[in-house]
Amino acid sequence: MTKKMKTPPPAVHPRPVSLSEPILSKRGKIVIAAGIVTAAVGFFLVTFTDPAGQNWASNLCPFVILGGYALIGVGIVVPDPAPPSSPPNPPLPQR
């Protein structure tokens, strides 16, 4: 018996990236900037921790740093808001 030859799958061409489309949305860039600032504040809080790790800064800074990293991740995928589909209707004159 002979083996049946499988046909190769058709080539899938990814959508070309247009240079006119921004990769990150404006809102995404703002969220990423807020995440960078938040993470920087978290790293600044590390300077206030004690060696035993028992003060407020030791308890707070890991959550601030992770929150900043989470904001950066969210900023990568957040889209711009959709434009309104139609302008609002003008008010009708009163009779």
PDB file of N, CA and C in Angstrom:
ATOM      1  N   MET A   1       0.835  -1.168   0.000  1.00  0.00           N
ATOM      2  CA  MET A   1       0.000   0.000   0.000  1.00  0.00           C
ATOM      3  C   MET A   1       0.885   1.239   0.000  1.00  0.00           C
ATOM      4  N   THR A   2       0.402   2.238  -0.653  1.00  0.00           N
ATOM      5  CA  THR A   2       1.153   3.484  -0.712  1.00  0.00           C
ATOM      6  C   THR A   2       0.531   4.505   0.233  1.00  0.00           C
ATOM      7  N   LYS A   3       1.384   5.380   0.686  1.00  0.00           N
ATOM      8  CA  LYS A   3       0.886   6.433   1.574  1.00  0.00           C
ATOM      9  C   LYS A   3       0.288   7.544   0.729  1.00  0.00           C
ATOM     10  N   LYS A   4      -0.797   8.099   1.256  1.00  0.00           N
ATOM     11  CA  LYS A   4      -1.404   9.232   0.562  1.00  0.00           C
ATOM     12  C   LYS A   4      -0.610  10.490   0.919  1.00  0.00           C
ATOM     13  N   MET A   5      -0.313  11.255  -0.078  1.00  0.00           N
ATOM     14  CA  MET A   5       0.419  12.487   0.156  1.00  0.00           C
ATOM     15  C   MET A   5      -0.576  13.573   0.553  1.00  0.00           C
ATOM     16  N   LYS A   6      -0.268  14.211   1.648  1.00  0.00           N
ATOM     17  CA  LYS A   6      -1.132  15.311   2.089  1.00  0.00           C
ATOM     18  C   LYS A   6      -0.745  16.571   1.341  1.00  0.00           C
ATOM     19  N   THR A   7      -1.746  17.326   0.951  1.00  0.00           N
ATOM     20  CA  THR A   7      -1.455  18.602   0.300  1.00  0.00           C
ATOM     21  C   THR A   7      -1.093  19.610   1.380  1.00  0.00           C
ATOM     22  N   PRO A   8      -0.123  20.446   1.104  1.00  0.00           N
ATOM     23  CA  PRO A   8       0.252  21.441   2.116  1.00  0.00           C
ATOM     24  C   PRO A   8      -0.885  22.432   2.338  1.00  0.00           C
ATOM     25  N   PRO A   9      -1.014  22.934   3.554  1.00  0.00           N
ATOM     26  CA  PRO A   9      -2.088  23.903   3.807  1.00  0.00           C
ATOM     27  C   PRO A   9      -1.829  25.180   3.024  1.00  0.00           C
ATOM     28  N   PRO A  10      -2.890  25.872   2.663  1.00  0.00           N
ATOM     29  CA  PRO A  10      -2.689  27.111   1.899  1.00  0.00           C
ATOM     30  C   PRO A  10      -1.937  28.125   2.751  1.00  0.00           C
ATOM     31  N   ALA A  11      -1.137  28.917   2.086  1.00  0.00           N
ATOM     32  CA  ALA A  11      -0.337  29.915   2.796  1.00  0.00           C
ATOM     33  C   ALA A  11      -1.253  31.014   3.325  1.00  0.00           C
ATOM     34  N   VAL A  12      -1.054  31.348   4.577  1.00  0.00           N
ATOM     35  CA  VAL A  12      -1.837  32.411   5.191  1.00  0.00           C
ATOM     36  C   VAL A  12      -0.975  33.665   5.214  1.00  0.00           C
ATOM     37  N   HIS A  13      -1.462  34.690   4.587  1.00  0.00           N
ATOM     38  CA  HIS A  13      -0.705  35.935   4.528  1.00  0.00           C
ATOM     39  C   HIS A  13      -1.256  36.870   5.591  1.00  0.00           C
ATOM     40  N   PRO A  14      -0.411  37.284   6.529  1.00  0.00           N
ATOM     41  CA  PRO A  14      -0.899  38.206   7.543  1.00  0.00           C
ATOM     42  C   PRO A  14      -1.211  39.566   6.926  1.00  0.00           C
ATOM     43  N   ARG A  15      -2.102  40.268   7.583  1.00  0.00           N
ATOM     44  CA  ARG A  15      -2.478  41.586   7.102  1.00  0.00           C
ATOM     45  C   ARG A  15      -1.270  42.511   7.221  1.00  0.00           C
ATOM     46  N   PRO A  16      -0.908  43.181   6.148  1.00  0.00           N
ATOM     47  CA  PRO A  16       0.254  44.064   6.239  1.00  0.00           C
ATOM     48  C   PRO A  16      -0.042  45.240   7.170  1.00  0.00           C
ATOM     49  N   VAL A  17       0.962  45.622   7.931  1.00  0.00           N
ATOM     50  CA  VAL A  17       0.798  46.728   8.860  1.00  0.00           C
ATOM     51  C   VAL A  17       0.973  48.022   8.100  1.00  0.00           C
ATOM     52  N   SER A  18      -0.017  48.855   8.165  1.00  0.00           N
ATOM     53  CA  SER A  18       0.037  50.140   7.496  1.00  0.00           C
ATOM     54  C   SER A  18       0.779  51.129   8.383  1.00  0.00           C
ATOM     55  N   LEU A  19       1.621  51.933   7.774  1.00  0.00           N
ATOM     56  CA  LEU A  19       2.357  52.918   8.548  1.00  0.00           C
ATOM     57  C   LEU A  19       1.469  54.063   8.994  1.00  0.00           C
ATOM     58  N   SER A  20       0.304  54.216   8.357  1.00  0.00           N
ATOM     59  CA  SER A  20      -0.593  55.295   8.758  1.00  0.00           C
ATOM     60  C   SER A  20      -1.365  54.929  10.028  1.00  0.00           C
ATOM     61  N   GLU A  21      -1.527  53.635  10.323  1.00  0.00           N
ATOM     62  CA  GLU A  21      -2.218  53.212  11.543  1.00  0.00           C
ATOM     63  C   GLU A  21      -1.239  53.209  12.711  1.00  0.00           C
ATOM     64  N   PRO A  22      -1.587  53.876  13.803  1.00  0.00           N
ATOM     65  CA  PRO A  22      -0.697  53.790  14.968  1.00  0.00           C
ATOM     66  C   PRO A  22      -0.810  52.411  15.617  1.00  0.00           C
ATOM     67  N   ILE A  23       0.310  51.917  16.103  1.00  0.00           N
ATOM     68  CA  ILE A  23       0.310  50.608  16.733  1.00  0.00           C
ATOM     69  C   ILE A  23      -0.363  50.687  18.096  1.00  0.00           C
ATOM     70  N   LEU A  24      -0.083  51.743  18.849  1.00  0.00           N
ATOM     71  CA  LEU A  24      -0.720  51.960  20.145  1.00  0.00           C
ATOM     72  C   LEU A  24      -1.707  53.109  20.017  1.00  0.00           C
ATOM     73  N   SER A  25      -2.846  52.970  20.680  1.00  0.00           N
ATOM     74  CA  SER A  25      -3.824  54.047  20.648  1.00  0.00           C
ATOM     75  C   SER A  25      -3.379  55.179  21.561  1.00  0.00           C
ATOM     76  N   LYS A  26      -4.005  56.328  21.392  1.00  0.00           N
ATOM     77  CA  LYS A  26      -3.666  57.482  22.231  1.00  0.00           C
ATOM     78  C   LYS A  26      -3.995  57.177  23.682  1.00  0.00           C
ATOM     79  N   ARG A  27      -5.146  56.569  23.910  1.00  0.00           N
ATOM     80  CA  ARG A  27      -5.534  56.200  25.270  1.00  0.00           C
ATOM     81  C   ARG A  27      -4.561  55.171  25.835  1.00  0.00           C
ATOM     82  N   GLY A  28      -4.100  54.248  25.000  1.00  0.00           N
ATOM     83  CA  GLY A  28      -3.139  53.244  25.441  1.00  0.00           C
ATOM     84  C   GLY A  28      -1.814  53.856  25.859  1.00  0.00           C
ATOM     85  N   LYS A  29      -1.365  54.858  25.110  1.00  0.00           N
ATOM     86  CA  LYS A  29      -0.111  55.527  25.474  1.00  0.00           C
ATOM     87  C   LYS A  29      -0.236  56.234  26.816  1.00  0.00           C
ATOM     88  N   ILE A  30      -1.396  56.817  27.081  1.00  0.00           N
ATOM     89  CA  ILE A  30      -1.611  57.486  28.369  1.00  0.00           C
ATOM     90  C   ILE A  30      -1.606  56.468  29.500  1.00  0.00           C
ATOM     91  N   VAL A  31      -2.243  55.322  29.287  1.00  0.00           N
ATOM     92  CA  VAL A  31      -2.289  54.283  30.321  1.00  0.00           C
ATOM     93  C   VAL A  31      -0.890  53.714  30.557  1.00  0.00           C
ATOM     94  N   ILE A  32      -0.114  53.534  29.505  1.00  0.00           N
ATOM     95  CA  ILE A  32       1.256  53.041  29.657  1.00  0.00           C
ATOM     96  C   ILE A  32       2.097  54.047  30.434  1.00  0.00           C
ATOM     97  N   ALA A  33       1.940  55.334  30.124  1.00  0.00           N
ATOM     98  CA  ALA A  33       2.687  56.359  30.856  1.00  0.00           C
ATOM     99  C   ALA A  33       2.304  56.355  32.336  1.00  0.00           C
ATOM    100  N   ALA A  34       1.019  56.184  32.623  1.00  0.00           N
ATOM    101  CA  ALA A  34       0.585  56.107  34.021  1.00  0.00           C
ATOM    102  C   ALA A  34       1.170  54.871  34.696  1.00  0.00           C
ATOM    103  N   GLY A  35       1.277  53.769  33.975  1.00  0.00           N
ATOM    104  CA  GLY A  35       1.876  52.559  34.524  1.00  0.00           C
ATOM    105  C   GLY A  35       3.349  52.725  34.824  1.00  0.00           C
ATOM    106  N   ILE A  36       4.058  53.429  33.951  1.00  0.00           N
ATOM    107  CA  ILE A  36       5.486  53.662  34.175  1.00  0.00           C
ATOM    108  C   ILE A  36       5.686  54.539  35.411  1.00  0.00           C
ATOM    109  N   VAL A  37       4.858  55.572  35.543  1.00  0.00           N
ATOM    110  CA  VAL A  37       4.958  56.447  36.716  1.00  0.00           C
ATOM    111  C   VAL A  37       4.614  55.673  37.982  1.00  0.00           C
ATOM    112  N   THR A  38       3.585  54.837  37.924  1.00  0.00           N
ATOM    113  CA  THR A  38       3.187  54.054  39.096  1.00  0.00           C
ATOM    114  C   THR A  38       4.287  53.085  39.509  1.00  0.00           C
ATOM    115  N   ALA A  39       4.887  52.413  38.547  1.00  0.00           N
ATOM    116  CA  ALA A  39       5.981  51.492  38.867  1.00  0.00           C
ATOM    117  C   ALA A  39       7.184  52.255  39.428  1.00  0.00           C
ATOM    118  N   ALA A  40       7.467  53.437  38.892  1.00  0.00           N
ATOM    119  CA  ALA A  40       8.584  54.237  39.405  1.00  0.00           C
ATOM    120  C   ALA A  40       8.323  54.669  40.843  1.00  0.00           C
ATOM    121  N   VAL A  41       7.082  55.029  41.151  1.00  0.00           N
ATOM    122  CA  VAL A  41       6.729  55.377  42.533  1.00  0.00           C
ATOM    123  C   VAL A  41       6.906  54.160  43.437  1.00  0.00           C
ATOM    124  N   GLY A  42       6.535  52.990  42.938  1.00  0.00           N
ATOM    125  CA  GLY A  42       6.720  51.768  43.722  1.00  0.00           C
ATOM    126  C   GLY A  42       8.187  51.497  44.021  1.00  0.00           C
ATOM    127  N   PHE A  43       9.046  51.700  43.038  1.00  0.00           N
ATOM    128  CA  PHE A  43      10.473  51.498  43.273  1.00  0.00           C
ATOM    129  C   PHE A  43      11.046  52.568  44.203  1.00  0.00           C
ATOM    130  N   PHE A  44      10.479  53.784  44.142  1.00  0.00           N
ATOM    131  CA  PHE A  44      10.903  54.817  45.085  1.00  0.00           C
ATOM    132  C   PHE A  44      10.490  54.446  46.510  1.00  0.00           C
ATOM    133  N   LEU A  45       9.328  53.820  46.657  1.00  0.00           N
ATOM    134  CA  LEU A  45       8.880  53.386  47.987  1.00  0.00           C
ATOM    135  C   LEU A  45       9.798  52.312  48.577  1.00  0.00           C
ATOM    136  N   VAL A  46      10.491  51.579  47.740  1.00  0.00           N
ATOM    137  CA  VAL A  46      11.405  50.544  48.234  1.00  0.00           C
ATOM    138  C   VAL A  46      12.504  51.174  49.086  1.00  0.00           C
ATOM    139  N   THR A  47      12.845  52.425  48.800  1.00  0.00           N
ATOM    140  CA  THR A  47      13.905  53.067  49.574  1.00  0.00           C
ATOM    141  C   THR A  47      13.509  53.311  51.025  1.00  0.00           C
ATOM    142  N   PHE A  48      12.207  53.274  51.338  1.00  0.00           N
ATOM    143  CA  PHE A  48      11.732  53.498  52.701  1.00  0.00           C
ATOM    144  C   PHE A  48      11.538  52.212  53.496  1.00  0.00           C
ATOM    145  N   THR A  49      11.777  51.072  52.900  1.00  0.00           N
ATOM    146  CA  THR A  49      11.546  49.814  53.606  1.00  0.00           C
ATOM    147  C   THR A  49      12.655  49.550  54.615  1.00  0.00           C
ATOM    148  N   ASP A  50      12.307  48.826  55.672  1.00  0.00           N
ATOM    149  CA  ASP A  50      13.330  48.443  56.642  1.00  0.00           C
ATOM    150  C   ASP A  50      13.851  47.050  56.305  1.00  0.00           C
ATOM    151  N   PRO A  51      15.008  46.674  56.814  1.00  0.00           N
ATOM    152  CA  PRO A  51      15.602  45.380  56.467  1.00  0.00           C
ATOM    153  C   PRO A  51      14.730  44.186  56.836  1.00  0.00           C
ATOM    154  N   ALA A  52      13.950  44.317  57.897  1.00  0.00           N
ATOM    155  CA  ALA A  52      13.097  43.202  58.300  1.00  0.00           C
ATOM    156  C   ALA A  52      11.824  43.122  57.464  1.00  0.00           C
ATOM    157  N   GLY A  53      11.508  44.187  56.740  1.00  0.00           N
ATOM    158  CA  GLY A  53      10.322  44.188  55.894  1.00  0.00           C
ATOM    159  C   GLY A  53       9.029  44.260  56.665  1.00  0.00           C
ATOM    160  N   GLN A  54       9.012  45.017  57.773  1.00  0.00           N
ATOM    161  CA  GLN A  54       7.833  45.057  58.634  1.00  0.00           C
ATOM    162  C   GLN A  54       7.148  46.408  58.680  1.00  0.00           C
ATOM    163  N   ASN A  55       7.541  47.392  57.863  1.00  0.00           N
ATOM    164  CA  ASN A  55       6.878  48.688  57.928  1.00  0.00           C
ATOM    165  C   ASN A  55       5.901  48.855  56.767  1.00  0.00           C
ATOM    166  N   TRP A  56       5.260  50.018  56.707  1.00  0.00           N
ATOM    167  CA  TRP A  56       4.213  50.261  55.712  1.00  0.00           C
ATOM    168  C   TRP A  56       4.764  50.208  54.293  1.00  0.00           C
ATOM    169  N   ALA A  57       5.956  50.709  54.078  1.00  0.00           N
ATOM    170  CA  ALA A  57       6.523  50.722  52.731  1.00  0.00           C
ATOM    171  C   ALA A  57       6.816  49.303  52.240  1.00  0.00           C
ATOM    172  N   SER A  58       7.236  48.436  53.154  1.00  0.00           N
ATOM    173  CA  SER A  58       7.513  47.045  52.778  1.00  0.00           C
ATOM    174  C   SER A  58       6.240  46.321  52.352  1.00  0.00           C
ATOM    175  N   ASN A  59       5.126  46.694  52.939  1.00  0.00           N
ATOM    176  CA  ASN A  59       3.854  46.054  52.600  1.00  0.00           C
ATOM    177  C   ASN A  59       3.206  46.666  51.365  1.00  0.00           C
ATOM    178  N   LEU A  60       3.461  47.945  51.119  1.00  0.00           N
ATOM    179  CA  LEU A  60       2.774  48.641  50.037  1.00  0.00           C
ATOM    180  C   LEU A  60       3.501  48.571  48.694  1.00  0.00           C
ATOM    181  N   CYS A  61       4.824  48.665  48.699  1.00  0.00           N
ATOM    182  CA  CYS A  61       5.555  48.815  47.431  1.00  0.00           C
ATOM    183  C   CYS A  61       5.393  47.635  46.465  1.00  0.00           C
ATOM    184  N   PRO A  62       5.305  46.378  46.901  1.00  0.00           N
ATOM    185  CA  PRO A  62       5.106  45.324  45.889  1.00  0.00           C
ATOM    186  C   PRO A  62       3.801  45.468  45.121  1.00  0.00           C
ATOM    187  N   PHE A  63       2.744  45.917  45.799  1.00  0.00           N
ATOM    188  CA  PHE A  63       1.455  46.079  45.124  1.00  0.00           C
ATOM    189  C   PHE A  63       1.476  47.271  44.172  1.00  0.00           C
ATOM    190  N   VAL A  64       2.199  48.321  44.537  1.00  0.00           N
ATOM    191  CA  VAL A  64       2.299  49.485  43.657  1.00  0.00           C
ATOM    192  C   VAL A  64       3.104  49.126  42.406  1.00  0.00           C
ATOM    193  N   ILE A  65       4.187  48.395  42.577  1.00  0.00           N
ATOM    194  CA  ILE A  65       5.006  47.994  41.427  1.00  0.00           C
ATOM    195  C   ILE A  65       4.215  47.072  40.502  1.00  0.00           C
ATOM    196  N   LEU A  66       3.549  46.081  41.069  1.00  0.00           N
ATOM    197  CA  LEU A  66       2.753  45.165  40.242  1.00  0.00           C
ATOM    198  C   LEU A  66       1.576  45.882  39.582  1.00  0.00           C
ATOM    199  N   GLY A  67       0.992  46.843  40.264  1.00  0.00           N
ATOM    200  CA  GLY A  67      -0.079  47.637  39.655  1.00  0.00           C
ATOM    201  C   GLY A  67       0.428  48.434  38.468  1.00  0.00           C
ATOM    202  N   GLY A  68       1.638  48.970  38.587  1.00  0.00           N
ATOM    203  CA  GLY A  68       2.226  49.689  37.452  1.00  0.00           C
ATOM    204  C   GLY A  68       2.470  48.768  36.273  1.00  0.00           C
ATOM    205  N   TYR A  69       2.975  47.568  36.544  1.00  0.00           N
ATOM    206  CA  TYR A  69       3.185  46.604  35.456  1.00  0.00           C
ATOM    207  C   TYR A  69       1.849  46.201  34.822  1.00  0.00           C
ATOM    208  N   ALA A  70       0.816  46.054  35.632  1.00  0.00           N
ATOM    209  CA  ALA A  70      -0.504  45.704  35.093  1.00  0.00           C
ATOM    210  C   ALA A  70      -1.036  46.825  34.205  1.00  0.00           C
ATOM    211  N   LEU A  71      -0.830  48.072  34.619  1.00  0.00           N
ATOM    212  CA  LEU A  71      -1.275  49.194  33.784  1.00  0.00           C
ATOM    213  C   LEU A  71      -0.549  49.214  32.444  1.00  0.00           C
ATOM    214  N   ILE A  72       0.721  48.881  32.439  1.00  0.00           N
ATOM    215  CA  ILE A  72       1.467  48.835  31.184  1.00  0.00           C
ATOM    216  C   ILE A  72       0.885  47.755  30.271  1.00  0.00           C
ATOM    217  N   GLY A  73       0.572  46.596  30.837  1.00  0.00           N
ATOM    218  CA  GLY A  73      -0.029  45.525  30.037  1.00  0.00           C
ATOM    219  C   GLY A  73      -1.394  45.905  29.494  1.00  0.00           C
ATOM    220  N   VAL A  74      -2.197  46.573  30.301  1.00  0.00           N
ATOM    221  CA  VAL A  74      -3.521  46.996  29.850  1.00  0.00           C
ATOM    222  C   VAL A  74      -3.389  48.073  28.773  1.00  0.00           C
ATOM    223  N   GLY A  75      -2.414  48.950  28.934  1.00  0.00           N
ATOM    224  CA  GLY A  75      -2.229  50.016  27.955  1.00  0.00           C
ATOM    225  C   GLY A  75      -1.845  49.516  26.581  1.00  0.00           C
ATOM    226  N   ILE A  76      -1.239  48.350  26.517  1.00  0.00           N
ATOM    227  CA  ILE A  76      -0.861  47.800  25.212  1.00  0.00           C
ATOM    228  C   ILE A  76      -2.093  47.375  24.416  1.00  0.00           C
ATOM    229  N   VAL A  77      -3.116  46.899  25.091  1.00  0.00           N
ATOM    230  CA  VAL A  77      -4.270  46.354  24.375  1.00  0.00           C
ATOM    231  C   VAL A  77      -5.498  47.260  24.377  1.00  0.00           C
ATOM    232  N   VAL A  78      -5.499  48.357  25.124  1.00  0.00           N
ATOM    233  CA  VAL A  78      -6.695  49.195  25.197  1.00  0.00           C
ATOM    234  C   VAL A  78      -6.861  49.974  23.884  1.00  0.00           C
ATOM    235  N   PRO A  79      -8.065  49.926  23.302  1.00  0.00           N
ATOM    236  CA  PRO A  79      -8.285  50.642  22.039  1.00  0.00           C
ATOM    237  C   PRO A  79      -8.766  52.072  22.290  1.00  0.00           C
ATOM    238  N   ASP A  80      -8.758  52.867  21.236  1.00  0.00           N
ATOM    239  CA  ASP A  80      -9.365  54.191  21.309  1.00  0.00           C
ATOM    240  C   ASP A  80     -10.880  54.025  21.326  1.00  0.00           C
ATOM    241  N   PRO A  81     -11.601  54.980  21.908  1.00  0.00           N
ATOM    242  CA  PRO A  81     -13.069  54.866  21.879  1.00  0.00           C
ATOM    243  C   PRO A  81     -13.581  55.000  20.441  1.00  0.00           C
ATOM    244  N   ALA A  82     -14.668  54.318  20.157  1.00  0.00           N
ATOM    245  CA  ALA A  82     -15.249  54.374  18.818  1.00  0.00           C
ATOM    246  C   ALA A  82     -15.851  55.752  18.589  1.00  0.00           C
ATOM    247  N   PRO A  83     -15.692  56.295  17.386  1.00  0.00           N
ATOM    248  CA  PRO A  83     -16.312  57.598  17.107  1.00  0.00           C
ATOM    249  C   PRO A  83     -17.828  57.457  17.086  1.00  0.00           C
ATOM    250  N   PRO A  84     -18.540  58.515  17.396  1.00  0.00           N
ATOM    251  CA  PRO A  84     -20.007  58.412  17.368  1.00  0.00           C
ATOM    252  C   PRO A  84     -20.491  58.088  15.958  1.00  0.00           C
ATOM    253  N   SER A  85     -21.521  57.268  15.879  1.00  0.00           N
ATOM    254  CA  SER A  85     -21.996  56.810  14.579  1.00  0.00           C
ATOM    255  C   SER A  85     -22.682  57.926  13.802  1.00  0.00           C
ATOM    256  N   SER A  86     -23.375  58.806  14.475  1.00  0.00           N
ATOM    257  CA  SER A  86     -24.019  59.917  13.798  1.00  0.00           C
ATOM    258  C   SER A  86     -24.092  61.090  14.762  1.00  0.00           C
ATOM    259  N   PRO A  87     -24.115  62.299  14.227  1.00  0.00           N
ATOM    260  CA  PRO A  87     -24.210  63.451  15.127  1.00  0.00           C
ATOM    261  C   PRO A  87     -25.583  63.476  15.787  1.00  0.00           C
ATOM    262  N   PRO A  88     -25.672  64.063  16.971  1.00  0.00           N
ATOM    263  CA  PRO A  88     -26.977  64.119  17.630  1.00  0.00           C
ATOM    264  C   PRO A  88     -27.939  64.980  16.822  1.00  0.00           C
ATOM    265  N   ASN A  89     -29.206  64.637  16.907  1.00  0.00           N
ATOM    266  CA  ASN A  89     -30.235  65.377  16.169  1.00  0.00           C
ATOM    267  C   ASN A  89     -30.433  66.760  16.795  1.00  0.00           C
ATOM    268  N   PRO A  90     -30.615  67.789  15.957  1.00  0.00           N
ATOM    269  CA  PRO A  90     -30.862  69.118  16.520  1.00  0.00           C
ATOM    270  C   PRO A  90     -32.234  69.149  17.187  1.00  0.00           C
ATOM    271  N   PRO A  91     -32.401  70.009  18.192  1.00  0.00           N
ATOM    272  CA  PRO A  91     -33.701  70.064  18.858  1.00  0.00           C
ATOM    273  C   PRO A  91     -34.774  70.567  17.894  1.00  0.00           C
ATOM    274  N   LEU A  92     -35.971  70.038  18.050  1.00  0.00           N
ATOM    275  CA  LEU A  92     -37.082  70.447  17.223  1.00  0.00           C
ATOM    276  C   LEU A  92     -37.636  71.779  17.723  1.00  0.00           C
ATOM    277  N   PRO A  93     -38.055  72.651  16.791  1.00  0.00           N
ATOM    278  CA  PRO A  93     -38.625  73.936  17.236  1.00  0.00           C
ATOM    279  C   PRO A  93     -39.938  73.707  17.961  1.00  0.00           C
ATOM    280  N   GLN A  94     -40.175  74.501  18.974  1.00  0.00           N
ATOM    281  CA  GLN A  94     -41.419  74.392  19.754  1.00  0.00           C
ATOM    282  C   GLN A  94     -42.513  75.152  19.057  1.00  0.00           C
ATOM    283  N   ARG A  95     -43.745  74.644  19.121  1.00  0.00           N
ATOM    284  CA  ARG A  95     -44.867  75.332  18.466  1.00  0.00           C
ATOM    285  C   ARG A  95     -45.733  75.986  19.473  1.00  0.00           C
TER     286      ARG A  95
END
